[in-house]
N, C-alpha and C. Protein backbone atom coordinates (compact mmCIF):
# COMPACT_ATOMS: atom_id res chain seq x y z
N MET A 1 0.84 -1.20 0.00
CA MET A 1 0.00 0.00 0.00
C MET A 1 0.87 1.25 0.00
N THR A 2 0.24 2.37 -0.27
CA THR A 2 0.95 3.63 -0.47
C THR A 2 0.89 4.51 0.77
N THR A 3 1.95 5.25 1.01
CA THR A 3 1.94 6.33 1.99
C THR A 3 1.41 7.59 1.30
N VAL A 4 0.41 8.23 1.89
CA VAL A 4 -0.10 9.49 1.34
C VAL A 4 0.42 10.62 2.22
N VAL A 5 1.08 11.56 1.59
CA VAL A 5 1.74 12.66 2.29
C VAL A 5 1.05 13.97 1.93
N VAL A 6 0.74 14.77 2.94
CA VAL A 6 0.20 16.11 2.72
C VAL A 6 1.22 17.10 3.27
N ILE A 7 1.65 18.03 2.44
CA ILE A 7 2.55 19.09 2.90
C ILE A 7 1.72 20.36 3.04
N ALA A 8 1.81 21.00 4.20
CA ALA A 8 0.88 22.09 4.49
C ALA A 8 1.49 23.09 5.46
N LYS A 9 0.87 24.27 5.50
CA LYS A 9 1.17 25.29 6.49
C LYS A 9 0.02 25.39 7.48
N GLU A 10 0.34 25.65 8.73
CA GLU A 10 -0.70 25.96 9.69
C GLU A 10 -1.47 27.18 9.19
N PRO A 11 -2.81 27.09 9.13
CA PRO A 11 -3.59 28.21 8.56
C PRO A 11 -3.72 29.39 9.51
N ARG A 12 -2.70 30.24 9.53
CA ARG A 12 -2.69 31.43 10.37
C ARG A 12 -2.73 32.68 9.49
N PRO A 13 -3.47 33.71 9.89
CA PRO A 13 -3.58 34.93 9.08
C PRO A 13 -2.21 35.52 8.73
N GLY A 14 -2.06 35.87 7.46
CA GLY A 14 -0.82 36.47 7.01
C GLY A 14 0.23 35.48 6.57
N ARG A 15 -0.02 34.18 6.82
CA ARG A 15 0.96 33.15 6.46
C ARG A 15 0.48 32.24 5.34
N VAL A 16 -0.83 32.25 5.08
CA VAL A 16 -1.39 31.35 4.07
C VAL A 16 -2.36 32.11 3.17
N LYS A 17 -2.39 31.72 1.91
CA LYS A 17 -3.38 32.22 0.96
C LYS A 17 -3.50 33.75 0.93
N THR A 18 -2.37 34.43 0.98
CA THR A 18 -2.41 35.89 1.00
C THR A 18 -2.89 36.47 -0.32
N ARG A 19 -2.84 35.68 -1.40
CA ARG A 19 -3.33 36.18 -2.69
C ARG A 19 -4.85 36.25 -2.74
N LEU A 20 -5.51 35.72 -1.72
CA LEU A 20 -6.97 35.86 -1.62
C LEU A 20 -7.38 37.21 -1.04
N SER A 21 -6.41 37.97 -0.59
CA SER A 21 -6.68 39.27 0.03
C SER A 21 -6.05 40.38 -0.81
N PRO A 22 -6.90 41.30 -1.36
CA PRO A 22 -8.36 41.29 -1.39
C PRO A 22 -8.89 40.27 -2.41
N PRO A 23 -10.18 39.99 -2.37
CA PRO A 23 -11.28 40.69 -1.69
C PRO A 23 -11.47 40.29 -0.23
N PHE A 24 -10.82 39.20 0.19
CA PHE A 24 -11.02 38.74 1.56
C PHE A 24 -9.95 39.31 2.47
N THR A 25 -10.26 39.42 3.75
CA THR A 25 -9.26 39.84 4.71
C THR A 25 -8.26 38.71 4.91
N LEU A 26 -7.14 39.01 5.55
CA LEU A 26 -6.16 37.97 5.83
C LEU A 26 -6.73 36.91 6.76
N GLU A 27 -7.61 37.34 7.67
CA GLU A 27 -8.25 36.38 8.57
C GLU A 27 -9.17 35.44 7.79
N GLU A 28 -9.93 36.01 6.84
CA GLU A 28 -10.80 35.16 6.02
C GLU A 28 -9.99 34.24 5.12
N ALA A 29 -8.88 34.74 4.60
CA ALA A 29 -8.02 33.90 3.77
C ALA A 29 -7.51 32.70 4.58
N ALA A 30 -7.17 32.95 5.84
CA ALA A 30 -6.72 31.85 6.70
C ALA A 30 -7.85 30.86 6.98
N GLU A 31 -9.07 31.38 7.14
CA GLU A 31 -10.23 30.50 7.33
C GLU A 31 -10.45 29.62 6.10
N LEU A 32 -10.30 30.22 4.93
CA LEU A 32 -10.45 29.45 3.70
C LEU A 32 -9.35 28.39 3.57
N ALA A 33 -8.14 28.76 3.95
CA ALA A 33 -7.04 27.79 3.93
C ALA A 33 -7.32 26.65 4.89
N GLU A 34 -7.84 26.96 6.08
CA GLU A 34 -8.16 25.91 7.04
C GLU A 34 -9.23 24.97 6.49
N ALA A 35 -10.25 25.53 5.84
CA ALA A 35 -11.31 24.70 5.28
C ALA A 35 -10.77 23.82 4.16
N ALA A 36 -9.90 24.37 3.31
CA ALA A 36 -9.31 23.58 2.24
C ALA A 36 -8.46 22.45 2.82
N LEU A 37 -7.69 22.77 3.84
CA LEU A 37 -6.85 21.75 4.47
C LEU A 37 -7.71 20.67 5.13
N ALA A 38 -8.77 21.09 5.82
CA ALA A 38 -9.66 20.12 6.48
C ALA A 38 -10.31 19.19 5.46
N ASP A 39 -10.78 19.73 4.35
CA ASP A 39 -11.38 18.89 3.31
C ASP A 39 -10.34 17.92 2.74
N THR A 40 -9.14 18.42 2.50
CA THR A 40 -8.07 17.58 1.95
C THR A 40 -7.73 16.44 2.90
N LEU A 41 -7.56 16.76 4.18
CA LEU A 41 -7.19 15.73 5.15
C LEU A 41 -8.31 14.71 5.34
N ALA A 42 -9.56 15.16 5.29
CA ALA A 42 -10.68 14.23 5.41
C ALA A 42 -10.69 13.24 4.25
N THR A 43 -10.37 13.72 3.06
CA THR A 43 -10.29 12.83 1.90
C THR A 43 -9.14 11.84 2.07
N VAL A 44 -7.98 12.34 2.46
CA VAL A 44 -6.83 11.45 2.67
C VAL A 44 -7.13 10.40 3.73
N ALA A 45 -7.85 10.80 4.78
CA ALA A 45 -8.19 9.86 5.84
C ALA A 45 -9.04 8.70 5.34
N ALA A 46 -9.76 8.92 4.24
CA ALA A 46 -10.62 7.87 3.69
C ALA A 46 -9.93 7.01 2.64
N VAL A 47 -8.69 7.35 2.30
CA VAL A 47 -7.95 6.60 1.30
C VAL A 47 -7.29 5.38 1.95
N PRO A 48 -7.45 4.19 1.37
CA PRO A 48 -6.68 3.05 1.87
C PRO A 48 -5.19 3.33 1.73
N ALA A 49 -4.46 3.31 2.82
CA ALA A 49 -3.06 3.72 2.79
C ALA A 49 -2.25 2.96 3.83
N ALA A 50 -0.98 2.77 3.53
CA ALA A 50 -0.08 2.18 4.50
C ALA A 50 0.19 3.14 5.65
N ARG A 51 0.20 4.43 5.31
CA ARG A 51 0.51 5.47 6.30
C ARG A 51 -0.02 6.78 5.76
N ARG A 52 -0.46 7.64 6.67
CA ARG A 52 -0.88 9.00 6.31
C ARG A 52 0.01 9.96 7.07
N LEU A 53 0.69 10.83 6.33
CA LEU A 53 1.72 11.68 6.90
C LEU A 53 1.42 13.13 6.59
N LEU A 54 1.43 13.97 7.61
CA LEU A 54 1.30 15.43 7.44
C LEU A 54 2.65 16.07 7.73
N VAL A 55 3.19 16.72 6.71
CA VAL A 55 4.46 17.44 6.85
C VAL A 55 4.09 18.91 7.03
N LEU A 56 4.23 19.40 8.24
CA LEU A 56 3.56 20.64 8.63
C LEU A 56 4.54 21.75 9.02
N ASP A 57 4.28 22.93 8.48
CA ASP A 57 4.94 24.16 8.92
C ASP A 57 4.01 24.81 9.94
N GLY A 58 4.30 24.63 11.21
CA GLY A 58 3.44 25.15 12.26
C GLY A 58 2.98 24.06 13.19
N ALA A 59 1.86 24.31 13.85
CA ALA A 59 1.34 23.37 14.84
C ALA A 59 0.00 22.81 14.40
N PRO A 60 -0.30 21.55 14.72
CA PRO A 60 -1.60 20.97 14.38
C PRO A 60 -2.73 21.69 15.11
N GLY A 61 -3.93 21.65 14.51
CA GLY A 61 -5.10 22.28 15.11
C GLY A 61 -6.30 21.36 15.04
N ARG A 62 -7.45 21.93 15.26
CA ARG A 62 -8.70 21.16 15.29
C ARG A 62 -9.02 20.53 13.95
N TRP A 63 -8.39 21.00 12.91
CA TRP A 63 -8.64 20.52 11.56
C TRP A 63 -7.96 19.17 11.27
N LEU A 64 -7.12 18.70 12.17
CA LEU A 64 -6.37 17.46 11.93
C LEU A 64 -7.17 16.26 12.42
N PRO A 65 -7.58 15.36 11.52
CA PRO A 65 -8.31 14.16 11.95
C PRO A 65 -7.34 13.13 12.53
N PRO A 66 -7.85 12.13 13.23
CA PRO A 66 -6.97 11.07 13.73
C PRO A 66 -6.39 10.24 12.60
N GLY A 67 -5.32 9.54 12.90
CA GLY A 67 -4.74 8.62 11.93
C GLY A 67 -3.58 9.16 11.13
N PHE A 68 -3.11 10.36 11.47
CA PHE A 68 -2.00 10.97 10.75
C PHE A 68 -0.75 11.03 11.64
N ASP A 69 0.38 10.69 11.06
CA ASP A 69 1.66 11.03 11.67
C ASP A 69 1.98 12.46 11.26
N VAL A 70 2.54 13.24 12.17
CA VAL A 70 2.87 14.63 11.88
C VAL A 70 4.37 14.83 12.09
N VAL A 71 5.03 15.39 11.08
CA VAL A 71 6.44 15.73 11.19
C VAL A 71 6.61 17.18 10.77
N PRO A 72 7.60 17.88 11.34
CA PRO A 72 7.79 19.28 10.97
C PRO A 72 8.38 19.42 9.58
N GLN A 73 7.95 20.48 8.89
CA GLN A 73 8.52 20.80 7.59
C GLN A 73 9.93 21.30 7.77
N SER A 74 10.79 20.97 6.83
CA SER A 74 12.16 21.47 6.89
C SER A 74 12.19 22.94 6.48
N VAL A 75 13.33 23.57 6.72
CA VAL A 75 13.52 24.95 6.27
C VAL A 75 14.07 24.91 4.85
N GLY A 76 14.06 26.08 4.20
CA GLY A 76 14.62 26.16 2.86
C GLY A 76 13.57 26.43 1.81
N ALA A 77 14.01 26.43 0.56
CA ALA A 77 13.12 26.68 -0.56
C ALA A 77 12.14 25.51 -0.71
N LEU A 78 11.07 25.74 -1.49
CA LEU A 78 10.02 24.75 -1.61
C LEU A 78 10.53 23.43 -2.16
N ASP A 79 11.44 23.47 -3.14
CA ASP A 79 11.96 22.21 -3.68
C ASP A 79 12.65 21.39 -2.60
N GLU A 80 13.36 22.06 -1.70
CA GLU A 80 14.03 21.36 -0.60
C GLU A 80 13.02 20.80 0.39
N ARG A 81 11.94 21.56 0.64
CA ARG A 81 10.93 21.08 1.59
C ARG A 81 10.16 19.89 1.03
N LEU A 82 9.86 19.91 -0.27
CA LEU A 82 9.21 18.77 -0.89
C LEU A 82 10.13 17.55 -0.90
N ALA A 83 11.39 17.78 -1.20
CA ALA A 83 12.36 16.68 -1.19
C ALA A 83 12.45 16.06 0.20
N ASP A 84 12.49 16.91 1.22
CA ASP A 84 12.58 16.41 2.59
C ASP A 84 11.33 15.62 2.98
N ALA A 85 10.17 16.05 2.46
CA ALA A 85 8.93 15.30 2.75
C ALA A 85 9.06 13.86 2.28
N PHE A 86 9.62 13.66 1.09
CA PHE A 86 9.81 12.30 0.60
C PHE A 86 10.88 11.55 1.38
N ALA A 87 11.79 12.27 2.01
CA ALA A 87 12.82 11.61 2.81
C ALA A 87 12.22 10.90 4.02
N HIS A 88 10.99 11.26 4.40
CA HIS A 88 10.32 10.60 5.52
C HIS A 88 9.59 9.33 5.09
N CYS A 89 9.66 8.98 3.81
CA CYS A 89 8.88 7.86 3.27
C CYS A 89 9.81 6.72 2.87
N ALA A 90 9.41 5.50 3.22
CA ALA A 90 10.25 4.34 2.94
C ALA A 90 9.79 3.52 1.75
N GLY A 91 8.55 3.69 1.33
CA GLY A 91 8.01 2.90 0.22
C GLY A 91 7.20 3.76 -0.72
N PRO A 92 6.38 3.15 -1.55
CA PRO A 92 5.57 3.92 -2.51
C PRO A 92 4.80 5.04 -1.82
N SER A 93 4.91 6.25 -2.35
CA SER A 93 4.36 7.43 -1.67
C SER A 93 3.77 8.40 -2.68
N LEU A 94 2.68 9.04 -2.26
CA LEU A 94 2.04 10.07 -3.07
C LEU A 94 1.94 11.33 -2.23
N LEU A 95 2.50 12.43 -2.75
CA LEU A 95 2.51 13.70 -2.04
C LEU A 95 1.56 14.69 -2.70
N ILE A 96 0.76 15.36 -1.87
CA ILE A 96 -0.11 16.44 -2.35
C ILE A 96 0.01 17.62 -1.40
N GLY A 97 -0.56 18.76 -1.82
CA GLY A 97 -0.58 19.94 -0.97
C GLY A 97 -1.95 20.17 -0.37
N MET A 98 -2.18 21.41 0.07
CA MET A 98 -3.44 21.77 0.72
C MET A 98 -4.30 22.68 -0.15
N ASP A 99 -3.94 22.78 -1.44
CA ASP A 99 -4.57 23.75 -2.33
C ASP A 99 -5.65 23.16 -3.23
N THR A 100 -5.96 21.86 -3.07
CA THR A 100 -6.93 21.22 -3.96
C THR A 100 -7.99 20.49 -3.14
N PRO A 101 -8.88 21.24 -2.47
CA PRO A 101 -9.91 20.58 -1.67
C PRO A 101 -10.90 19.77 -2.48
N GLN A 102 -10.85 19.88 -3.80
CA GLN A 102 -11.72 19.10 -4.67
C GLN A 102 -11.19 17.69 -4.92
N VAL A 103 -10.02 17.36 -4.38
CA VAL A 103 -9.43 16.05 -4.62
C VAL A 103 -10.34 14.96 -4.05
N THR A 104 -10.33 13.79 -4.70
CA THR A 104 -11.21 12.69 -4.30
C THR A 104 -10.40 11.47 -3.88
N VAL A 105 -11.08 10.56 -3.20
CA VAL A 105 -10.44 9.31 -2.80
C VAL A 105 -9.96 8.54 -4.03
N ASP A 106 -10.76 8.50 -5.07
CA ASP A 106 -10.38 7.76 -6.28
C ASP A 106 -9.09 8.30 -6.89
N LEU A 107 -8.91 9.60 -6.87
CA LEU A 107 -7.69 10.19 -7.43
C LEU A 107 -6.45 9.81 -6.62
N LEU A 108 -6.63 9.66 -5.31
CA LEU A 108 -5.49 9.42 -4.43
C LEU A 108 -5.19 7.94 -4.22
N ALA A 109 -6.12 7.07 -4.57
CA ALA A 109 -5.92 5.63 -4.38
C ALA A 109 -5.12 5.07 -5.55
N VAL A 110 -3.85 5.46 -5.64
CA VAL A 110 -3.02 5.09 -6.78
C VAL A 110 -2.42 3.70 -6.60
N ASP A 111 -2.13 3.07 -7.71
CA ASP A 111 -1.52 1.75 -7.74
C ASP A 111 -0.26 1.84 -8.59
N PHE A 112 0.87 1.55 -7.99
CA PHE A 112 2.14 1.71 -8.71
C PHE A 112 2.48 0.50 -9.59
N ALA A 113 1.60 -0.49 -9.67
CA ALA A 113 1.86 -1.61 -10.58
C ALA A 113 1.97 -1.10 -12.01
N GLY A 114 3.10 -1.34 -12.62
CA GLY A 114 3.28 -0.93 -14.02
C GLY A 114 3.79 0.48 -14.21
N CYS A 115 4.08 1.19 -13.13
CA CYS A 115 4.66 2.54 -13.28
C CYS A 115 5.56 2.84 -12.08
N ASP A 116 6.41 3.84 -12.28
CA ASP A 116 7.35 4.25 -11.24
C ASP A 116 6.95 5.55 -10.56
N ALA A 117 6.09 6.32 -11.23
CA ALA A 117 5.77 7.65 -10.71
C ALA A 117 4.38 8.06 -11.18
N TYR A 118 3.75 8.90 -10.37
CA TYR A 118 2.50 9.57 -10.74
C TYR A 118 2.75 11.07 -10.76
N PHE A 119 2.15 11.74 -11.74
CA PHE A 119 2.32 13.18 -11.85
C PHE A 119 0.95 13.83 -12.07
N GLY A 120 0.58 14.76 -11.20
CA GLY A 120 -0.69 15.46 -11.32
C GLY A 120 -0.46 16.91 -11.67
N PRO A 121 -0.65 17.30 -12.93
CA PRO A 121 -0.41 18.69 -13.32
C PRO A 121 -1.48 19.63 -12.79
N ALA A 122 -1.09 20.87 -12.55
CA ALA A 122 -2.02 21.91 -12.10
C ALA A 122 -2.22 22.93 -13.20
N ASP A 123 -3.36 23.60 -13.17
CA ASP A 123 -3.70 24.56 -14.22
C ASP A 123 -2.69 25.71 -14.32
N ASP A 124 -2.03 26.03 -13.20
CA ASP A 124 -1.12 27.18 -13.21
C ASP A 124 0.28 26.84 -13.68
N GLY A 125 0.48 25.62 -14.16
CA GLY A 125 1.79 25.22 -14.64
C GLY A 125 2.60 24.44 -13.63
N GLY A 126 2.11 24.34 -12.41
CA GLY A 126 2.78 23.55 -11.39
C GLY A 126 2.26 22.12 -11.36
N PHE A 127 2.27 21.53 -10.19
CA PHE A 127 1.71 20.19 -10.04
C PHE A 127 1.06 20.09 -8.67
N TRP A 128 -0.04 19.32 -8.62
CA TRP A 128 -0.77 19.16 -7.37
C TRP A 128 -0.47 17.84 -6.70
N ALA A 129 0.12 16.90 -7.42
CA ALA A 129 0.43 15.59 -6.86
C ALA A 129 1.70 15.05 -7.50
N LEU A 130 2.48 14.35 -6.69
CA LEU A 130 3.68 13.67 -7.18
C LEU A 130 3.81 12.36 -6.42
N GLY A 131 3.81 11.26 -7.15
CA GLY A 131 3.95 9.96 -6.54
C GLY A 131 5.21 9.26 -7.00
N LEU A 132 5.89 8.61 -6.07
CA LEU A 132 7.12 7.90 -6.39
C LEU A 132 7.08 6.50 -5.79
N ALA A 133 7.29 5.49 -6.62
CA ALA A 133 7.33 4.12 -6.11
C ALA A 133 8.54 3.93 -5.19
N ARG A 134 9.63 4.59 -5.52
CA ARG A 134 10.83 4.56 -4.70
C ARG A 134 11.24 6.01 -4.42
N PRO A 135 10.79 6.55 -3.31
CA PRO A 135 11.04 7.98 -3.04
C PRO A 135 12.53 8.32 -3.09
N ASP A 136 12.83 9.35 -3.84
CA ASP A 136 14.21 9.83 -3.99
C ASP A 136 14.18 11.35 -3.97
N PRO A 137 14.63 11.97 -2.87
CA PRO A 137 14.59 13.43 -2.77
C PRO A 137 15.35 14.14 -3.88
N VAL A 138 16.33 13.47 -4.47
CA VAL A 138 17.13 14.09 -5.53
C VAL A 138 16.26 14.47 -6.73
N LEU A 139 15.15 13.77 -6.92
CA LEU A 139 14.28 14.03 -8.06
C LEU A 139 13.57 15.38 -7.97
N LEU A 140 13.58 16.00 -6.79
CA LEU A 140 12.91 17.29 -6.61
C LEU A 140 13.86 18.45 -6.41
N ARG A 141 15.02 18.19 -5.88
CA ARG A 141 15.94 19.28 -5.57
C ARG A 141 16.39 20.00 -6.84
N GLY A 142 16.29 21.32 -6.82
CA GLY A 142 16.71 22.12 -7.95
C GLY A 142 15.62 22.42 -8.96
N VAL A 143 14.42 21.85 -8.78
CA VAL A 143 13.31 22.17 -9.68
C VAL A 143 12.80 23.57 -9.33
N PRO A 144 12.70 24.48 -10.30
CA PRO A 144 12.23 25.83 -10.01
C PRO A 144 10.75 25.81 -9.62
N MET A 145 10.44 26.36 -8.46
CA MET A 145 9.08 26.33 -7.95
C MET A 145 8.35 27.65 -8.20
N SER A 146 7.03 27.61 -8.10
CA SER A 146 6.17 28.79 -8.28
C SER A 146 6.44 29.48 -9.61
N SER A 147 6.58 28.67 -10.63
CA SER A 147 6.87 29.16 -11.98
C SER A 147 5.91 28.48 -12.95
N PRO A 148 5.60 29.14 -14.08
CA PRO A 148 4.75 28.49 -15.09
C PRO A 148 5.36 27.21 -15.67
N VAL A 149 6.68 27.01 -15.47
CA VAL A 149 7.32 25.81 -16.02
C VAL A 149 7.63 24.78 -14.94
N THR A 150 7.19 25.01 -13.72
CA THR A 150 7.50 24.08 -12.62
C THR A 150 7.09 22.65 -12.96
N GLY A 151 5.84 22.48 -13.39
CA GLY A 151 5.35 21.15 -13.69
C GLY A 151 6.12 20.48 -14.81
N ALA A 152 6.38 21.23 -15.87
CA ALA A 152 7.10 20.66 -17.01
C ALA A 152 8.50 20.22 -16.62
N VAL A 153 9.17 21.06 -15.83
CA VAL A 153 10.53 20.71 -15.40
C VAL A 153 10.52 19.49 -14.48
N GLN A 154 9.55 19.45 -13.57
CA GLN A 154 9.48 18.31 -12.65
C GLN A 154 9.18 17.02 -13.40
N ARG A 155 8.24 17.08 -14.33
CA ARG A 155 7.92 15.87 -15.09
C ARG A 155 9.10 15.41 -15.92
N GLU A 156 9.80 16.35 -16.54
CA GLU A 156 10.97 16.00 -17.33
C GLU A 156 12.06 15.38 -16.46
N ARG A 157 12.16 15.85 -15.21
CA ARG A 157 13.12 15.28 -14.28
C ARG A 157 12.82 13.79 -14.05
N LEU A 158 11.55 13.46 -13.93
CA LEU A 158 11.16 12.07 -13.73
C LEU A 158 11.50 11.22 -14.96
N VAL A 159 11.17 11.76 -16.14
CA VAL A 159 11.42 11.04 -17.39
C VAL A 159 12.92 10.85 -17.60
N ALA A 160 13.69 11.90 -17.32
CA ALA A 160 15.14 11.82 -17.52
C ALA A 160 15.78 10.79 -16.60
N ALA A 161 15.12 10.52 -15.45
CA ALA A 161 15.63 9.50 -14.53
C ALA A 161 15.24 8.09 -14.96
N GLY A 162 14.54 7.99 -16.10
CA GLY A 162 14.17 6.68 -16.61
C GLY A 162 12.91 6.10 -15.98
N LEU A 163 12.11 6.94 -15.34
CA LEU A 163 10.91 6.46 -14.66
C LEU A 163 9.74 6.38 -15.63
N GLN A 164 8.91 5.37 -15.45
CA GLN A 164 7.66 5.25 -16.19
C GLN A 164 6.62 6.08 -15.45
N VAL A 165 6.14 7.16 -16.08
CA VAL A 165 5.27 8.13 -15.41
C VAL A 165 3.83 7.95 -15.84
N ARG A 166 2.94 7.89 -14.86
CA ARG A 166 1.50 7.82 -15.13
C ARG A 166 0.88 9.16 -14.76
N GLU A 167 0.07 9.69 -15.67
CA GLU A 167 -0.50 11.02 -15.48
C GLU A 167 -1.81 10.95 -14.68
N LEU A 168 -1.98 11.88 -13.74
CA LEU A 168 -3.23 12.10 -13.04
C LEU A 168 -3.98 13.26 -13.71
N PRO A 169 -5.28 13.39 -13.49
CA PRO A 169 -6.02 14.50 -14.09
C PRO A 169 -5.48 15.86 -13.66
N ARG A 170 -5.60 16.83 -14.54
CA ARG A 170 -5.21 18.21 -14.23
C ARG A 170 -6.23 18.82 -13.26
N LEU A 171 -5.74 19.47 -12.21
CA LEU A 171 -6.61 20.13 -11.23
C LEU A 171 -6.22 21.59 -11.11
N ARG A 172 -7.12 22.36 -10.53
CA ARG A 172 -6.90 23.79 -10.32
C ARG A 172 -6.58 24.05 -8.86
N ASP A 173 -5.45 24.67 -8.60
CA ASP A 173 -5.09 25.09 -7.24
C ASP A 173 -5.93 26.29 -6.82
N VAL A 174 -6.15 26.42 -5.53
CA VAL A 174 -6.80 27.62 -4.99
C VAL A 174 -5.70 28.62 -4.63
N ASP A 175 -5.55 29.63 -5.47
CA ASP A 175 -4.60 30.71 -5.20
C ASP A 175 -5.31 32.06 -5.13
N THR A 176 -6.23 32.30 -6.05
CA THR A 176 -6.93 33.57 -6.14
C THR A 176 -8.41 33.39 -5.81
N ALA A 177 -9.13 34.50 -5.70
CA ALA A 177 -10.57 34.43 -5.44
C ALA A 177 -11.29 33.71 -6.58
N ALA A 178 -10.87 33.95 -7.81
CA ALA A 178 -11.48 33.26 -8.95
C ALA A 178 -11.27 31.76 -8.85
N ASP A 179 -10.06 31.36 -8.46
CA ASP A 179 -9.79 29.93 -8.25
C ASP A 179 -10.71 29.37 -7.18
N ALA A 180 -10.86 30.12 -6.09
CA ALA A 180 -11.66 29.64 -4.96
C ALA A 180 -13.09 29.36 -5.39
N HIS A 181 -13.69 30.27 -6.14
CA HIS A 181 -15.07 30.08 -6.58
C HIS A 181 -15.19 28.92 -7.56
N ALA A 182 -14.21 28.79 -8.46
CA ALA A 182 -14.26 27.69 -9.44
C ALA A 182 -14.14 26.34 -8.74
N VAL A 183 -13.26 26.25 -7.77
CA VAL A 183 -13.07 24.98 -7.05
C VAL A 183 -14.28 24.67 -6.17
N ALA A 184 -14.82 25.68 -5.50
CA ALA A 184 -15.99 25.47 -4.65
C ALA A 184 -17.17 24.94 -5.45
N ASP A 185 -17.29 25.39 -6.70
CA ASP A 185 -18.38 24.90 -7.56
C ASP A 185 -18.26 23.39 -7.81
N LEU A 186 -17.03 22.86 -7.74
CA LEU A 186 -16.82 21.44 -7.97
C LEU A 186 -17.18 20.59 -6.76
N VAL A 187 -17.10 21.19 -5.58
CA VAL A 187 -17.39 20.46 -4.32
C VAL A 187 -18.30 21.34 -3.45
N PRO A 188 -19.53 21.54 -3.89
CA PRO A 188 -20.41 22.52 -3.24
C PRO A 188 -20.84 22.13 -1.82
N HIS A 189 -20.63 20.88 -1.43
CA HIS A 189 -21.08 20.46 -0.10
C HIS A 189 -19.93 20.31 0.90
N GLY A 190 -18.74 20.76 0.51
CA GLY A 190 -17.60 20.63 1.39
C GLY A 190 -17.45 21.80 2.35
N ARG A 191 -16.50 21.67 3.26
CA ARG A 191 -16.20 22.75 4.21
C ARG A 191 -15.72 23.99 3.47
N PHE A 192 -14.93 23.77 2.42
CA PHE A 192 -14.38 24.90 1.69
C PHE A 192 -15.48 25.74 1.06
N ALA A 193 -16.41 25.11 0.39
CA ALA A 193 -17.49 25.85 -0.26
C ALA A 193 -18.34 26.60 0.77
N ALA A 194 -18.61 25.96 1.90
CA ALA A 194 -19.41 26.62 2.94
C ALA A 194 -18.68 27.83 3.51
N ARG A 195 -17.39 27.68 3.75
CA ARG A 195 -16.62 28.82 4.29
C ARG A 195 -16.51 29.93 3.25
N LEU A 196 -16.34 29.58 1.98
CA LEU A 196 -16.26 30.60 0.94
C LEU A 196 -17.56 31.38 0.85
N ALA A 197 -18.68 30.71 0.97
CA ALA A 197 -19.97 31.40 0.91
C ALA A 197 -20.08 32.41 2.04
N ARG A 198 -19.65 32.02 3.25
CA ARG A 198 -19.72 32.95 4.38
C ARG A 198 -18.77 34.14 4.19
N CYS A 199 -17.56 33.86 3.72
CA CYS A 199 -16.60 34.94 3.52
C CYS A 199 -17.04 35.88 2.40
N THR A 200 -17.67 35.33 1.37
CA THR A 200 -18.15 36.16 0.26
C THR A 200 -19.27 37.08 0.72
N ARG A 201 -20.16 36.57 1.56
CA ARG A 201 -21.21 37.43 2.10
C ARG A 201 -20.62 38.53 2.97
N ALA A 202 -19.63 38.20 3.77
CA ALA A 202 -18.99 39.21 4.63
C ALA A 202 -18.30 40.27 3.80
N ALA A 203 -17.61 39.84 2.74
CA ALA A 203 -16.91 40.80 1.87
C ALA A 203 -17.89 41.74 1.18
N ALA A 204 -19.07 41.21 0.82
CA ALA A 204 -20.07 42.04 0.13
C ALA A 204 -20.65 43.09 1.06
N ARG A 205 -20.63 42.85 2.35
CA ARG A 205 -21.17 43.80 3.31
C ARG A 205 -20.20 44.92 3.64
N ARG A 206 -18.94 44.77 3.27
CA ARG A 206 -17.94 45.78 3.65
C ARG A 206 -17.99 46.97 2.69
């Protein structure tokens, strides 16, 4: 079975989802981040897995369900932090972030039979998921992050290492208010959609 890894930040105002402000306040942006993280972790909790691991920058909160091991995120650039997350894994592992609350159990229940890696591209040019049958932090170090070419470079890194790569569906990260509304429309009954509706009403009253 697979280890499912979530890399995340503690949802504190001013530290997460700052591109949502405006139209939302930094406090509302943090609330939206918490809802996205809670939805993501609830989905991961329902995935058949050998281990569920949260690699966290900050401290756990009420949003953390049971059944997760928690380890601190390393310092450094994002490529180093992602590489370090895989260093905590001993077998087949799938890593995702906290920006895709629309993710489903079916998407995360990967089977490495017949492939060495899974790659989930994101609409912004990055990637929302990366799976490795044999985790190797070297495959991530030096990949330029937060760039329109991040996903292409990361995927090419896997191919250049001789790995058989299986593609996951393209998903949209929640970075901007437009992203938030588009993603909420996909999962209208989740925590994220409910929190977005409340924050949108509050913003309209200001």
